[in-house]
Structures are given as C-alpha cells and as structure tokens.
Amino acid sequence: MKLTEQEILKLAVSIMYRGLYIDLIGAAFLFVVGQLVRSSELLTPVEPEALSFLGYSLVAVSAIEIFMVIILKKRWITKDSPSLRLIKNRDAFYRHLRLLFMILYIVALTPSLYGFLFFILGGSEDIFMIMLAITLVGYMLVRIRPDDLEKAIGDFDLEDPG
C-alpha cells in the first residue's frame, strides 16, 4: 500500500522536529558550555591571533561539510535509493528514513562542535557564532519538506506490519 498524504506529512514533521532538536539544542548546549568553560578559566587560552587562520579554516571546512550533507541528502532520499527501495515493511522504512536524517542532522551539527573547540582554545566568539549560524543554515538546507518527501517516496509500496 502506498503512503498516504497524511502519513507523509506526519513523517516529515517528525523528522523536521528531531533535526531541530538536535541542531538547535545541540548548538545552544555547546554555546552555554563554551561560555562556562571560558569564564571559569579551566583552560589556558592561546593567543587569539595565533588561532585566526585555524578559525577561518574551520569555517571553510564547515561550509564544505554542509555542502556534502546536501549531496548525501539528494543521493539517499530519492525514488532510486537502493537502501530505501529494498525495505518493504512500513515500520522498518520509517525507522530507516529517520536514521538517515539523524545522520544528516548530526553531521550538520559538527560546525558547532568545531566552533566550540575553537572557542575554548581561546578563539574569538565571533567565529564561534559564525559556526553556530552555519549549523542552523545546515539544518534549514537539510530539513525535509512534506512536498519533497512525497516526491521522493510517495510511490513506494510498503506492507503494513503484521
């Protein structure tokens, strides 16, 4: 039986909210922990000038990672995706699709992790904020819209569990 429009909408919203929780809460958590570590002076910061090249390099790497996440999304979530085509059980299909998106959202969170490490080493807060913004832009580019999900998987024939 094909997925109904209501099932696709429910699945897309559930995937979007999980990604929002991962990326938004993850980025906020790293920001708060970074501020606490920096203010408590647990680590001896390096001179900010010595880290400026590293900061800009990490921004470039983060942008490349977001680009790669978009490419992976386009390869994984399509009508021709072998990993999705082989699954016939509806529950297994939902779990697999959610897992694929969880991987994409976690990779989209890595710029925040880079920014956190850069910040606690003594880097500028501006670069850290840029990394947090890249994470949120990554979420916006990776999130699935119900229309896109319907185009990608709307014609899959899935069996009800039982």
Protein backbone atom coordinates (compact mmCIF):
# COMPACT_ATOMS: atom_id res chain seq x y z
CA MET A 1 0.00 0.00 0.00
CA LYS A 2 1.31 3.44 -0.90
CA LEU A 3 1.91 6.08 1.73
CA THR A 4 -0.97 8.50 2.19
CA GLU A 5 -0.51 12.24 2.17
CA GLN A 6 -1.29 12.31 5.90
CA GLU A 7 1.40 9.68 6.67
CA ILE A 8 3.98 11.58 4.63
CA LEU A 9 3.10 14.84 6.41
CA LYS A 10 3.35 13.18 9.82
CA LEU A 11 6.69 11.56 8.94
CA ALA A 12 8.14 14.80 7.53
CA VAL A 13 7.11 16.83 10.58
CA SER A 14 8.54 14.23 12.95
CA ILE A 15 11.85 14.23 11.05
CA MET A 16 11.98 18.05 10.97
CA TYR A 17 11.38 18.34 14.72
CA ARG A 18 14.03 15.74 15.54
CA GLY A 19 16.52 17.63 13.43
CA LEU A 20 15.55 20.92 15.02
CA TYR A 21 16.08 19.44 18.47
CA ILE A 22 19.46 18.01 17.51
CA ASP A 23 20.79 21.11 15.78
CA LEU A 24 19.21 23.89 17.83
CA ILE A 25 19.55 22.32 21.28
CA GLY A 26 22.97 20.89 20.41
CA ALA A 27 24.24 24.29 19.26
CA ALA A 28 22.75 26.06 22.30
CA PHE A 29 24.25 23.46 24.64
CA LEU A 30 27.70 23.85 23.09
CA PHE A 31 27.41 27.64 23.31
CA VAL A 32 26.47 27.57 27.01
CA VAL A 33 29.17 25.02 27.89
CA GLY A 34 31.72 27.04 25.90
CA GLN A 35 30.81 30.20 27.80
CA LEU A 36 31.05 28.37 31.14
CA VAL A 37 34.41 26.80 30.33
CA ARG A 38 35.80 30.08 29.04
CA SER A 39 34.57 32.10 32.03
CA SER A 40 35.78 29.56 34.60
CA GLU A 41 39.25 29.66 33.07
CA LEU A 42 39.66 25.87 33.25
CA LEU A 43 41.84 26.02 30.17
CA THR A 44 44.64 28.41 29.42
CA PRO A 45 43.61 30.16 26.20
CA VAL A 46 46.00 30.51 23.29
CA GLU A 47 46.64 33.94 21.83
CA PRO A 48 43.68 34.80 19.54
CA GLU A 49 45.99 35.98 16.77
CA ALA A 50 47.62 32.55 16.63
CA LEU A 51 44.21 30.95 16.07
CA SER A 52 42.80 33.27 13.41
CA PHE A 53 43.93 31.09 10.48
CA LEU A 54 42.55 28.00 12.22
CA GLY A 55 39.22 29.74 12.74
CA TYR A 56 38.82 30.68 9.10
CA SER A 57 39.93 27.20 8.07
CA LEU A 58 37.27 25.68 10.29
CA VAL A 59 34.63 27.95 8.79
CA ALA A 60 35.65 26.74 5.31
CA VAL A 61 35.61 23.09 6.40
CA SER A 62 32.18 23.60 7.96
CA ALA A 63 30.80 25.09 4.75
CA ILE A 64 32.19 22.13 2.79
CA GLU A 65 30.58 19.71 5.26
CA ILE A 66 27.19 21.37 4.84
CA PHE A 67 27.60 21.11 1.07
CA MET A 68 28.40 17.38 1.45
CA VAL A 69 25.35 16.86 3.67
CA ILE A 70 23.16 18.34 0.95
CA ILE A 71 24.70 15.99 -1.62
CA LEU A 72 24.16 12.99 0.69
CA LYS A 73 20.55 14.01 1.23
CA LYS A 74 19.96 14.16 -2.51
CA ARG A 75 21.54 10.72 -3.00
CA TRP A 76 19.90 8.97 -0.04
CA ILE A 77 16.35 10.32 -0.23
CA THR A 78 15.27 9.61 -3.79
CA LYS A 79 13.00 7.24 -5.65
CA ASP A 80 16.06 5.36 -6.89
CA SER A 81 17.74 4.97 -3.49
CA PRO A 82 18.62 1.27 -3.15
CA SER A 83 18.63 1.43 0.65
CA LEU A 84 15.03 2.68 0.69
CA ARG A 85 13.72 0.63 -2.25
CA LEU A 86 14.64 -2.69 -0.63
CA ILE A 87 12.61 -2.05 2.52
CA LYS A 88 9.03 -3.23 2.27
CA ASN A 89 7.93 -3.10 5.91
CA ARG A 90 6.35 0.24 6.79
CA ASP A 91 7.84 0.48 10.32
CA ALA A 92 11.31 -0.53 9.14
CA PHE A 93 11.05 2.04 6.35
CA TYR A 94 10.14 4.81 8.81
CA ARG A 95 13.00 3.84 11.13
CA HIS A 96 15.50 3.73 8.28
CA LEU A 97 14.40 7.10 6.89
CA ARG A 98 14.58 8.68 10.36
CA LEU A 99 18.05 7.18 10.86
CA LEU A 100 19.28 8.61 7.55
CA PHE A 101 18.08 12.05 8.54
CA MET A 102 19.52 11.74 12.07
CA ILE A 103 22.92 11.11 10.48
CA LEU A 104 22.50 14.17 8.27
CA TYR A 105 21.43 16.35 11.21
CA ILE A 106 24.33 15.19 13.37
CA VAL A 107 26.79 15.97 10.58
CA ALA A 108 25.12 19.37 10.22
CA LEU A 109 25.86 19.93 13.94
CA THR A 110 29.63 19.47 13.53
CA PRO A 111 30.32 23.15 12.71
CA SER A 112 29.06 23.98 16.21
CA LEU A 113 31.42 21.39 17.64
CA TYR A 114 34.32 22.89 15.70
CA GLY A 115 33.33 26.35 16.91
CA PHE A 116 33.11 25.11 20.49
CA LEU A 117 36.59 23.61 20.39
CA PHE A 118 37.96 26.71 18.70
CA PHE A 119 36.33 28.96 21.30
CA ILE A 120 37.55 27.08 24.37
CA LEU A 121 41.07 27.05 22.94
CA GLY A 122 40.98 30.84 23.02
CA GLY A 123 39.48 31.75 19.67
CA SER A 124 37.14 34.64 19.12
CA GLU A 125 33.48 34.47 19.96
CA ASP A 126 32.63 35.90 16.52
CA ILE A 127 33.96 32.80 14.75
CA PHE A 128 32.06 30.62 17.23
CA MET A 129 28.85 32.49 16.41
CA ILE A 130 29.51 32.06 12.68
CA MET A 131 29.88 28.32 13.25
CA LEU A 132 26.58 28.24 15.17
CA ALA A 133 24.93 30.09 12.29
CA ILE A 134 26.38 27.59 9.80
CA THR A 135 24.82 24.79 11.86
CA LEU A 136 21.40 26.42 11.68
CA VAL A 137 21.76 27.11 7.95
CA GLY A 138 22.75 23.46 7.57
CA TYR A 139 19.56 22.43 9.35
CA MET A 140 17.48 24.63 7.07
CA LEU A 141 19.10 23.11 3.98
CA VAL A 142 18.83 19.51 5.19
CA ARG A 143 15.32 19.56 6.60
CA ILE A 144 12.74 17.78 4.53
CA ARG A 145 9.56 19.42 3.42
CA PRO A 146 6.43 17.29 3.05
CA ASP A 147 6.20 18.07 -0.68
CA ASP A 148 9.80 16.99 -1.27
CA LEU A 149 9.30 13.83 0.78
CA GLU A 150 6.16 12.98 -1.17
CA LYS A 151 8.05 13.38 -4.46
CA ALA A 152 10.88 11.19 -3.18
CA ILE A 153 8.97 8.35 -1.52
CA GLY A 154 5.31 8.89 -2.35
CA ASP A 155 5.11 5.98 -4.79
CA PHE A 156 6.79 3.36 -2.59
CA ASP A 157 4.69 0.29 -1.93
CA LEU A 158 5.00 -0.66 1.72
CA GLU A 159 3.44 -3.50 3.65
CA ASP A 160 1.68 -2.90 6.93
CA PRO A 161 3.38 -4.61 9.89
CA GLY A 162 1.63 -7.66 10.99
